[in-house]
Structures are given as structure tokens and as C-alpha cells.
Amino acid sequence: MTESGVTVYSSEDIGERNATYEVALYAPGFLLVGDDGGGRGFLVRADDPDSAVFSSGLGDLEPADFEIVSASFPEWLASLGTAH
């Protein structure tokens, strides 16, 4: 968990989190990389290493409803602060 309260998933947890929220079914081509602990998830395009970071309610993984929260994954990580 970061200073901002966002959890960025570890490589050990990312597969389970994506399976739990059925990301491949509801948002094919995206990868869930974290959440805010309050029902919002953060996703990137799985095939684009320079992907923007998107936010969505975890109960609505419709890509048309995603909001861009950062232009890139590294910028997003830097904006979160240090991990606890």
C-alpha cells in the first residue's frame, strides 16, 4: 500500500486479482494493476508497455467507462508516494 492508500499488486498477486474480477472477460486487453481499497481499480493496456493508467469501479469493468488517471504507468507510480 502506498501513502495515497492505493495498493499496487505484486507479481505474485496480480494473476489472482485479475481472475477474481474476471478482467479478461469484462475488459479484454486490460490488466488490473491495483485498487484504492474502496471499490476502484486501476488498469493498463496489457499489450502496451507505455499505456496510460485507467480507473474504473470494480463492479463496472466496461472499457468505455474507464477514466484516464495518468498518461503512463511510471508517472502514476511516482504520484502515489512511497510504499508502506
C-alpha atoms as a PDB file:
ATOM      1  CA  MET A   1       0.000   0.000   0.000  1.00  0.00           C
ATOM      2  CA  THR A   2       1.267   3.472  -0.846  1.00  0.00           C
ATOM      3  CA  GLU A   3       0.997   6.754   1.061  1.00  0.00           C
ATOM      4  CA  SER A   4      -2.064   7.603  -1.037  1.00  0.00           C
ATOM      5  CA  GLY A   5      -3.888   4.452   0.122  1.00  0.00           C
ATOM      6  CA  VAL A   6      -3.592   2.706  -3.239  1.00  0.00           C
ATOM      7  CA  THR A   7      -2.462  -0.896  -3.355  1.00  0.00           C
ATOM      8  CA  VAL A   8      -0.278  -1.752  -6.338  1.00  0.00           C
ATOM      9  CA  TYR A   9      -0.391  -5.505  -6.839  1.00  0.00           C
ATOM     10  CA  SER A  10       2.759  -7.562  -6.590  1.00  0.00           C
ATOM     11  CA  SER A  11       3.653 -10.002  -9.345  1.00  0.00           C
ATOM     12  CA  GLU A  12       2.524 -12.810  -7.009  1.00  0.00           C
ATOM     13  CA  ASP A  13      -0.959 -11.270  -6.569  1.00  0.00           C
ATOM     14  CA  ILE A  14      -1.738  -9.775  -9.955  1.00  0.00           C
ATOM     15  CA  GLY A  15      -2.954 -13.022 -11.572  1.00  0.00           C
ATOM     16  CA  GLU A  16      -5.326 -13.806  -8.695  1.00  0.00           C
ATOM     17  CA  ARG A  17      -6.740 -10.254  -8.638  1.00  0.00           C
ATOM     18  CA  ASN A  18      -7.368 -10.314 -12.393  1.00  0.00           C
ATOM     19  CA  ALA A  19      -9.033 -13.724 -12.133  1.00  0.00           C
ATOM     20  CA  THR A  20     -11.175 -12.645  -9.161  1.00  0.00           C
ATOM     21  CA  TYR A  21     -12.531  -9.609 -11.012  1.00  0.00           C
ATOM     22  CA  GLU A  22     -12.753 -11.515 -14.321  1.00  0.00           C
ATOM     23  CA  VAL A  23     -10.851  -8.789 -16.129  1.00  0.00           C
ATOM     24  CA  ALA A  24     -10.221 -10.976 -19.201  1.00  0.00           C
ATOM     25  CA  LEU A  25     -13.981 -11.437 -19.586  1.00  0.00           C
ATOM     26  CA  TYR A  26     -15.173  -7.887 -18.927  1.00  0.00           C
ATOM     27  CA  ALA A  27     -12.172  -5.834 -20.092  1.00  0.00           C
ATOM     28  CA  PRO A  28     -10.208  -7.954 -22.572  1.00  0.00           C
ATOM     29  CA  GLY A  29      -6.807  -6.498 -23.337  1.00  0.00           C
ATOM     30  CA  PHE A  30      -6.508  -4.782 -19.948  1.00  0.00           C
ATOM     31  CA  LEU A  31      -4.612  -5.730 -16.809  1.00  0.00           C
ATOM     32  CA  LEU A  32      -5.743  -4.772 -13.317  1.00  0.00           C
ATOM     33  CA  VAL A  33      -2.652  -3.433 -11.516  1.00  0.00           C
ATOM     34  CA  GLY A  34      -4.060  -2.023  -8.274  1.00  0.00           C
ATOM     35  CA  ASP A  35      -7.011  -0.693  -6.306  1.00  0.00           C
ATOM     36  CA  ASP A  36      -7.886   2.041  -3.839  1.00  0.00           C
ATOM     37  CA  GLY A  37      -9.456  -0.245  -1.222  1.00  0.00           C
ATOM     38  CA  GLY A  38     -12.787   1.467  -1.807  1.00  0.00           C
ATOM     39  CA  GLY A  39     -14.016  -0.260  -4.943  1.00  0.00           C
ATOM     40  CA  ARG A  40     -11.967   1.472  -7.659  1.00  0.00           C
ATOM     41  CA  GLY A  41      -9.441  -0.411  -9.706  1.00  0.00           C
ATOM     42  CA  PHE A  42      -6.518   0.788 -11.785  1.00  0.00           C
ATOM     43  CA  LEU A  43      -5.834  -0.806 -15.143  1.00  0.00           C
ATOM     44  CA  VAL A  44      -3.368  -0.608 -18.021  1.00  0.00           C
ATOM     45  CA  ARG A  45      -3.494  -1.955 -21.557  1.00  0.00           C
ATOM     46  CA  ALA A  46      -1.846  -5.365 -21.400  1.00  0.00           C
ATOM     47  CA  ASP A  47      -0.197  -5.056 -24.822  1.00  0.00           C
ATOM     48  CA  ASP A  48       1.217  -1.533 -24.387  1.00  0.00           C
ATOM     49  CA  PRO A  49       4.222  -1.007 -22.090  1.00  0.00           C
ATOM     50  CA  ASP A  50       3.645   2.765 -22.352  1.00  0.00           C
ATOM     51  CA  SER A  51      -0.056   2.505 -21.521  1.00  0.00           C
ATOM     52  CA  ALA A  52      -1.961   5.196 -19.747  1.00  0.00           C
ATOM     53  CA  VAL A  53      -3.425   4.169 -16.388  1.00  0.00           C
ATOM     54  CA  PHE A  54      -7.195   3.948 -16.242  1.00  0.00           C
ATOM     55  CA  SER A  55      -9.564   3.941 -13.275  1.00  0.00           C
ATOM     56  CA  SER A  56     -12.886   2.151 -13.012  1.00  0.00           C
ATOM     57  CA  GLY A  57     -15.299   0.859 -10.441  1.00  0.00           C
ATOM     58  CA  LEU A  58     -14.504  -2.809  -9.941  1.00  0.00           C
ATOM     59  CA  GLY A  59     -18.185  -3.614 -10.463  1.00  0.00           C
ATOM     60  CA  ASP A  60     -18.122  -1.883 -13.885  1.00  0.00           C
ATOM     61  CA  LEU A  61     -15.176  -3.036 -15.929  1.00  0.00           C
ATOM     62  CA  GLU A  62     -16.576  -1.683 -19.196  1.00  0.00           C
ATOM     63  CA  PRO A  63     -13.630  -0.053 -21.004  1.00  0.00           C
ATOM     64  CA  ALA A  64     -15.907   2.645 -22.446  1.00  0.00           C
ATOM     65  CA  ASP A  65     -16.467   3.832 -18.856  1.00  0.00           C
ATOM     66  CA  PHE A  66     -12.774   3.923 -17.867  1.00  0.00           C
ATOM     67  CA  GLU A  67     -11.255   7.258 -16.850  1.00  0.00           C
ATOM     68  CA  ILE A  68      -7.624   8.113 -17.569  1.00  0.00           C
ATOM     69  CA  VAL A  69      -5.822   8.942 -14.316  1.00  0.00           C
ATOM     70  CA  SER A  70      -2.264   9.152 -15.647  1.00  0.00           C
ATOM     71  CA  ALA A  71      -0.547   9.296 -19.026  1.00  0.00           C
ATOM     72  CA  SER A  72       1.821   6.465 -18.097  1.00  0.00           C
ATOM     73  CA  PHE A  73       2.323   3.721 -15.537  1.00  0.00           C
ATOM     74  CA  PRO A  74       5.684   5.087 -14.254  1.00  0.00           C
ATOM     75  CA  GLU A  75       4.172   8.566 -13.766  1.00  0.00           C
ATOM     76  CA  TRP A  76       1.230   7.057 -11.910  1.00  0.00           C
ATOM     77  CA  LEU A  77       3.520   5.050  -9.625  1.00  0.00           C
ATOM     78  CA  ALA A  78       5.577   8.131  -8.853  1.00  0.00           C
ATOM     79  CA  SER A  79       2.441  10.111  -7.987  1.00  0.00           C
ATOM     80  CA  LEU A  80       1.372   7.584  -5.336  1.00  0.00           C
ATOM     81  CA  GLY A  81       4.220   8.166  -2.906  1.00  0.00           C
ATOM     82  CA  THR A  82       6.264   5.537  -1.166  1.00  0.00           C
ATOM     83  CA  ALA A  83       5.028   2.098  -0.186  1.00  0.00           C
ATOM     84  CA  HIS A  84       4.248   1.176   3.408  1.00  0.00           C
END
